[in-house]
Protein backbone atom coordinates (compact mmCIF):
# COMPACT_ATOMS: atom_id res chain seq x y z
CA MET A 1 9.55 -1.53 -31.67
CA ARG A 2 7.57 -1.36 -28.42
CA LYS A 3 10.39 0.56 -26.78
CA GLN A 4 10.47 3.11 -29.61
CA LEU A 5 6.69 3.48 -29.45
CA LYS A 6 6.85 4.02 -25.70
CA HIS A 7 9.47 6.74 -26.13
CA MET A 8 7.33 8.42 -28.77
CA VAL A 9 4.30 8.39 -26.47
CA ILE A 10 6.35 9.76 -23.56
CA LYS A 11 7.81 12.55 -25.68
CA ALA A 12 4.37 13.43 -27.03
CA LEU A 13 2.94 13.56 -23.51
CA ARG A 14 5.79 15.71 -22.27
CA TYR A 15 5.33 18.32 -24.98
CA SER A 16 1.54 18.13 -24.86
CA GLY A 17 1.57 20.41 -21.85
CA VAL A 18 0.54 17.70 -19.36
CA PRO A 19 3.57 18.16 -17.04
CA PHE A 20 3.02 21.94 -17.13
CA LEU A 21 -0.62 21.53 -16.10
CA PHE A 22 0.30 19.19 -13.25
CA ARG A 23 3.01 21.58 -12.03
CA GLU A 24 0.91 24.73 -12.18
CA ILE A 25 -2.42 23.32 -11.00
CA ILE A 26 -1.63 20.39 -8.70
CA GLN A 27 1.97 20.81 -7.56
CA ARG A 28 2.07 24.59 -7.08
CA ASN A 29 0.93 24.47 -3.45
CA LYS A 30 2.15 20.97 -2.67
CA VAL A 31 5.48 19.38 -1.76
CA THR A 32 6.63 16.77 -4.25
CA ILE A 33 9.09 14.15 -3.01
CA LEU A 34 11.02 12.09 -5.55
CA CYS A 35 12.42 8.62 -4.91
CA LEU A 36 15.62 7.67 -6.74
CA HIS A 37 18.17 4.96 -6.08
CA ASP A 38 21.46 4.65 -7.97
CA MET A 39 21.46 7.19 -10.80
CA HIS A 40 24.62 7.68 -12.88
CA PRO A 41 26.08 11.21 -12.55
CA ASP A 42 25.53 11.98 -16.26
CA ILE A 43 21.83 11.12 -16.00
CA ALA A 44 21.57 12.87 -12.63
CA GLU A 45 23.04 16.04 -14.09
CA ARG A 46 20.37 16.15 -16.78
CA ALA A 47 17.69 15.33 -14.24
CA PHE A 48 18.85 18.01 -11.79
CA ASP A 49 19.04 20.56 -14.62
CA TYR A 50 15.42 19.92 -15.53
CA LEU A 51 14.18 19.82 -11.94
CA SER A 52 16.03 23.01 -11.01
CA ARG A 53 14.42 24.87 -13.91
CA HIS A 54 10.86 23.77 -13.17
CA TYR A 55 10.73 23.33 -9.39
CA ASN A 56 12.09 24.88 -6.21
CA ILE A 57 14.29 22.18 -4.69
CA ILE A 58 14.26 22.11 -0.88
CA SER A 59 15.71 19.70 1.66
CA LEU A 60 13.67 17.16 3.59
CA ASN A 61 14.61 19.06 6.74
CA ASP A 62 13.17 22.25 5.23
CA PHE A 63 9.86 20.44 4.92
CA LEU A 64 10.14 19.10 8.48
CA LYS A 65 10.89 22.55 9.89
CA ALA A 66 7.92 24.08 8.08
CA ARG A 67 5.70 21.30 9.34
CA LEU A 68 6.83 21.64 12.96
CA ALA A 69 6.26 25.40 12.77
CA ALA A 70 2.96 24.93 10.90
CA ASP A 71 4.26 27.58 8.52
CA SER A 72 3.24 26.91 4.94
CA ALA A 73 4.66 30.31 3.96
CA ALA A 74 8.12 28.88 4.63
CA LEU A 75 7.71 26.60 1.62
CA PRO A 76 8.20 27.93 -1.91
CA PRO A 77 5.69 27.20 -4.67
CA LYS A 78 6.30 23.92 -6.49
CA ALA A 79 8.58 22.71 -3.69
CA LEU A 80 10.41 19.49 -4.50
CA VAL A 81 12.52 17.14 -2.34
CA ILE A 82 15.01 14.68 -3.87
CA THR A 83 15.67 11.42 -2.03
CA PHE A 84 17.79 8.34 -2.74
CA ASP A 85 17.11 4.97 -1.12
CA ASP A 86 19.58 2.33 0.13
CA GLY A 87 22.98 4.06 0.18
CA HIS A 88 24.37 2.54 -3.02
CA LEU A 89 28.08 2.86 -3.70
CA GLY A 90 27.30 4.84 -6.85
CA ASN A 91 25.72 7.62 -4.80
CA TYR A 92 29.22 8.77 -3.87
CA ASP A 93 29.89 9.55 -7.54
CA LEU A 94 27.25 12.29 -7.28
CA LEU A 95 29.28 14.31 -4.77
CA PRO A 96 30.97 16.68 -7.29
CA LEU A 97 27.61 17.38 -8.91
CA LEU A 98 25.87 18.01 -5.58
CA GLU A 99 28.67 20.32 -4.47
CA ALA A 100 28.71 22.27 -7.73
CA ARG A 101 24.93 22.66 -8.01
CA LYS A 102 24.32 23.03 -4.26
CA ILE A 103 21.36 20.68 -4.54
CA PRO A 104 20.13 19.33 -1.20
CA VAL A 105 19.36 15.61 -1.27
CA THR A 106 18.52 12.99 1.32
CA ILE A 107 20.04 9.51 1.16
CA PHE A 108 18.40 6.76 3.20
CA LEU A 109 21.01 4.28 4.43
CA CYS A 110 20.67 0.59 5.27
CA ALA A 111 22.61 0.67 8.53
CA GLY A 112 23.75 -2.96 8.36
CA ILE A 113 25.03 -2.75 4.79
CA VAL A 114 26.86 0.59 4.57
CA ASP A 115 30.55 0.42 5.51
CA THR A 116 30.60 -3.36 4.92
CA ASN A 117 31.05 -5.75 2.00
CA ARG A 118 27.54 -7.10 2.47
CA HIS A 119 25.22 -7.01 -0.50
CA TYR A 120 21.59 -5.99 -0.91
CA TRP A 121 19.43 -9.09 -1.05
CA PHE A 122 17.40 -7.71 -3.95
CA ASN A 123 20.55 -7.58 -6.12
CA PHE A 124 21.11 -11.32 -5.70
CA LYS A 125 20.47 -13.21 -8.92
CA HIS A 126 19.61 -16.90 -8.95
CA PRO A 127 17.27 -18.94 -11.19
CA ASP A 128 15.27 -20.06 -8.14
CA ILE A 129 14.84 -16.55 -6.75
CA ASP A 130 11.87 -14.40 -7.70
CA LYS A 131 12.52 -11.03 -6.08
CA GLU A 132 8.92 -9.87 -6.27
CA ALA A 133 7.61 -13.13 -4.83
CA LEU A 134 10.01 -12.84 -1.88
CA LYS A 135 8.44 -9.52 -0.95
CA ARG A 136 5.11 -11.26 -0.39
CA VAL A 137 6.17 -14.05 1.97
CA PRO A 138 6.97 -13.94 5.71
CA ASN A 139 10.44 -12.60 6.44
CA ARG A 140 11.71 -15.92 7.78
CA GLU A 141 10.58 -17.66 4.59
CA ARG A 142 12.33 -15.01 2.48
CA LEU A 143 15.55 -15.59 4.42
CA ARG A 144 15.14 -19.36 4.14
CA ARG A 145 14.74 -19.24 0.36
CA LEU A 146 17.70 -16.90 -0.02
CA ALA A 147 19.86 -19.15 2.17
CA LYS A 148 18.87 -22.20 0.14
CA ALA A 149 19.99 -20.37 -2.99
CA GLY A 150 23.29 -19.39 -1.34
CA PHE A 151 22.69 -15.82 -0.12
CA PHE A 152 23.06 -14.72 3.50
CA PRO A 153 22.36 -11.10 4.55
CA GLU A 154 25.48 -10.84 6.72
CA GLN A 155 27.81 -12.51 4.22
CA GLU A 156 30.85 -10.41 3.28
CA PHE A 157 31.73 -10.33 -0.42
CA SER A 158 34.93 -9.25 -2.16
CA ARG A 159 33.46 -5.90 -3.18
CA PRO A 160 30.93 -3.59 -1.50
CA GLU A 161 27.61 -2.48 -2.93
CA ALA A 162 27.11 0.35 -0.44
CA MET A 163 29.08 3.43 0.57
CA ASN A 164 31.72 3.20 3.27
CA ARG A 165 32.42 5.44 6.25
CA ARG A 166 34.92 7.65 4.42
CA GLN A 167 32.47 8.31 1.61
CA ILE A 168 29.61 9.06 3.97
CA GLU A 169 31.81 11.48 5.92
CA ALA A 170 32.82 13.22 2.70
CA MET A 171 29.18 13.68 1.70
CA LYS A 172 27.92 14.88 5.08
CA PRO A 173 28.34 18.60 4.29
CA VAL A 174 25.94 18.39 1.34
CA VAL A 175 23.79 15.31 2.04
CA ASN A 176 21.14 14.64 4.66
CA PHE A 177 21.57 10.98 5.66
CA GLN A 178 18.57 9.20 7.15
CA GLY A 179 17.42 5.66 7.95
CA HIS A 180 16.30 2.74 5.80
CA THR A 181 16.29 -0.07 8.42
CA VAL A 182 19.25 -2.41 8.96
CA LEU A 183 19.09 -5.00 6.16
CA HIS A 184 16.18 -3.85 3.97
CA PRO A 185 13.46 -6.39 4.83
CA CYS A 186 9.83 -6.05 3.80
CA LEU A 187 8.55 -4.69 7.09
CA PRO A 188 4.92 -5.88 6.84
CA GLN A 189 6.25 -9.44 6.40
CA CYS A 190 8.31 -9.23 9.60
CA THR A 191 7.21 -10.36 13.05
CA ASP A 192 6.70 -7.64 15.64
CA ALA A 193 10.15 -8.37 17.09
CA GLU A 194 11.84 -8.37 13.68
CA ALA A 195 10.21 -5.12 12.61
CA ARG A 196 11.03 -3.41 15.89
CA GLN A 197 14.68 -4.49 15.65
CA GLU A 198 15.05 -3.28 12.07
CA ILE A 199 13.43 0.07 12.81
CA GLU A 200 15.08 0.82 16.15
CA ALA A 201 18.55 -0.56 15.35
CA GLY A 202 18.52 1.11 11.95
CA ARG A 203 18.40 4.48 13.66
CA GLN A 204 20.69 3.60 16.57
CA LEU A 205 23.49 2.22 14.40
CA LEU A 206 23.56 5.27 12.14
CA GLU A 207 23.63 7.68 15.05
CA GLU A 208 26.22 5.80 17.10
CA ASN A 209 28.52 4.63 14.29
CA PHE A 210 28.34 7.62 11.94
CA GLY A 211 27.35 10.52 14.18
CA LEU A 212 24.18 11.16 12.21
CA SER A 213 20.99 12.79 13.44
CA VAL A 214 18.28 10.47 12.19
CA ASN A 215 14.74 11.82 12.17
CA ALA A 216 13.29 10.10 9.09
CA ILE A 217 12.92 6.61 7.68
CA ALA A 218 12.05 5.42 4.19
CA TYR A 219 10.14 2.15 4.34
CA PRO A 220 12.02 -0.52 2.32
CA ASN A 221 10.24 -1.21 -0.97
CA GLY A 222 7.78 1.48 0.13
CA ASP A 223 5.91 -1.22 2.07
CA TYR A 224 4.50 -0.53 5.52
CA SER A 225 1.60 -1.45 7.79
CA ASP A 226 -0.16 0.38 10.61
CA ARG A 227 2.01 -1.58 13.03
CA ASP A 228 5.17 -0.38 11.30
CA VAL A 229 3.99 3.23 11.49
CA GLN A 230 3.41 2.81 15.23
CA LEU A 231 6.89 1.31 15.68
CA VAL A 232 8.49 4.13 13.68
CA ARG A 233 6.72 6.73 15.78
CA ALA A 234 7.70 4.97 19.02
CA ALA A 235 11.34 4.73 17.88
CA GLY A 236 11.59 8.52 17.76
CA TYR A 237 11.42 9.18 14.03
CA GLN A 238 9.56 12.29 12.94
CA LEU A 239 8.94 11.35 9.31
CA GLY A 240 8.20 8.15 7.40
CA LEU A 241 8.39 8.02 3.61
CA THR A 242 6.44 5.65 1.38
CA VAL A 243 6.22 5.24 -2.39
CA ASP A 244 2.47 5.80 -2.30
CA PHE A 245 1.49 8.01 -5.22
CA GLY A 246 0.71 11.62 -4.48
CA PHE A 247 1.88 14.97 -3.20
CA ASN A 248 2.27 16.35 0.31
CA THR A 249 1.15 19.29 2.41
CA LEU A 250 1.85 20.19 6.02
CA LYS A 251 -1.32 18.25 6.87
CA THR A 252 -0.17 15.00 5.26
CA ASP A 253 0.39 12.22 7.81
CA PRO A 254 4.13 12.69 8.56
CA PHE A 255 4.62 8.92 8.75
CA LYS A 256 2.96 8.29 5.38
CA LEU A 257 4.63 10.87 3.15
CA LYS A 258 4.08 10.21 -0.53
CA ARG A 259 6.81 9.94 -3.15
CA LEU A 260 7.06 9.69 -6.92
CA SER A 261 9.47 7.05 -8.23
CA ILE A 262 12.08 8.01 -10.84
CA GLY A 263 14.00 5.27 -12.65
CA ASP A 264 17.78 5.36 -12.57
CA THR A 265 18.02 5.32 -16.37
CA ASP A 266 15.06 7.58 -17.19
CA ASN A 267 15.64 10.14 -19.93
CA PRO A 268 14.62 13.82 -19.56
CA ASP A 269 11.23 13.26 -21.20
CA THR A 270 10.38 10.46 -18.78
CA ILE A 271 11.70 12.43 -15.81
CA ALA A 272 9.49 15.37 -16.78
CA LEU A 273 6.41 13.14 -16.80
CA LYS A 274 7.28 11.24 -13.62
CA ALA A 275 8.30 14.31 -11.60
CA SER A 276 4.98 15.96 -12.42
CA GLY A 277 3.11 12.92 -11.19
CA ALA A 278 1.40 12.50 -14.55
CA TRP A 279 3.03 9.14 -15.31
CA ALA A 280 2.10 7.55 -11.97
CA PHE A 281 -1.34 9.14 -12.12
CA PHE A 282 -2.18 7.43 -15.39
CA LYS A 283 -0.62 4.14 -14.27
CA THR A 284 -2.46 4.04 -10.95
CA ARG A 285 -5.73 4.87 -12.70
CA ASN A 286 -5.21 1.61 -14.59
CA GLY A 287 -4.70 -0.32 -11.35
CA ALA A 288 -0.90 -0.52 -11.52
CA ARG A 289 1.41 0.45 -8.69
CA GLN A 290 4.10 2.95 -9.53
CA GLY A 291 7.49 1.32 -9.91
CA TYR A 292 10.19 1.10 -7.28
CA GLY A 293 13.10 0.60 -9.66
CA TRP A 294 16.47 0.48 -7.96
CA GLN A 295 18.75 -1.28 -10.46
CA ARG A 296 21.55 0.79 -11.92
CA ALA A 297 21.98 0.21 -15.64
CA ASN A 298 25.27 -0.59 -17.30
CA THR A 299 24.50 1.91 -20.05
CA LEU A 300 23.41 5.52 -20.19
CA GLU A 301 20.94 4.77 -22.96
CA ASN A 302 17.25 4.62 -22.19
């Protein structure tokens, strides 16, 4: 019942004109960056159809070039950037769609998980593991609790959760690959040495092992501190992406770029609200943080 009511409210908000007002008044002269994770191709196709009709989709590098040139005229009205975090295996399934639609996307890769059979720690399920609680404890304590429950970051499983080298190579012509640390820790919970290693090695491994040109990093979980921003800058990155709510201009701090989170199973009505920023706007006004949903559903229903 609650789910049906929520869908009714979302549909009513979508067709109330709220997304239109956000697009035409707030987003027209801003750059909107979306954060996705592991969206099924069928859902992605519907999402891309909607976004292509209502926004001008540009690449993250288009934004960077305009910023470096201080040329706002190089950006179209209602510019929108699509990003995916982590490098999930399912991202490879989007290749035919990306090629057919010629939609530029950026995928942020965990350098120590791609091309291995290692798993993302946040996918590990155990009755003693509270994923959200682990994000709020020191990194060593997080690793200790995971180890006690039987999970080790460098453990190789029978099947991968991330893309391999062949898949990354196949996507290079249409995808901008960037950094997402090595093993996806919560950076503010890391020691200085741990954070520096994750940030610096995350870039180095991708460039040396995959021949990528890495100029941007997405902070894992969207979490960062002033120290992490300093480390990212010192490591040679030019952009840092958060999941802080909001929109961007050429004057936005390049190491604190804002993104709007889109759920992997969101339907078109929800995507319309979230892409406009209306959904996160109302949630954050009530004191809630916008979601950072990364789990891929086993069903296309929402």
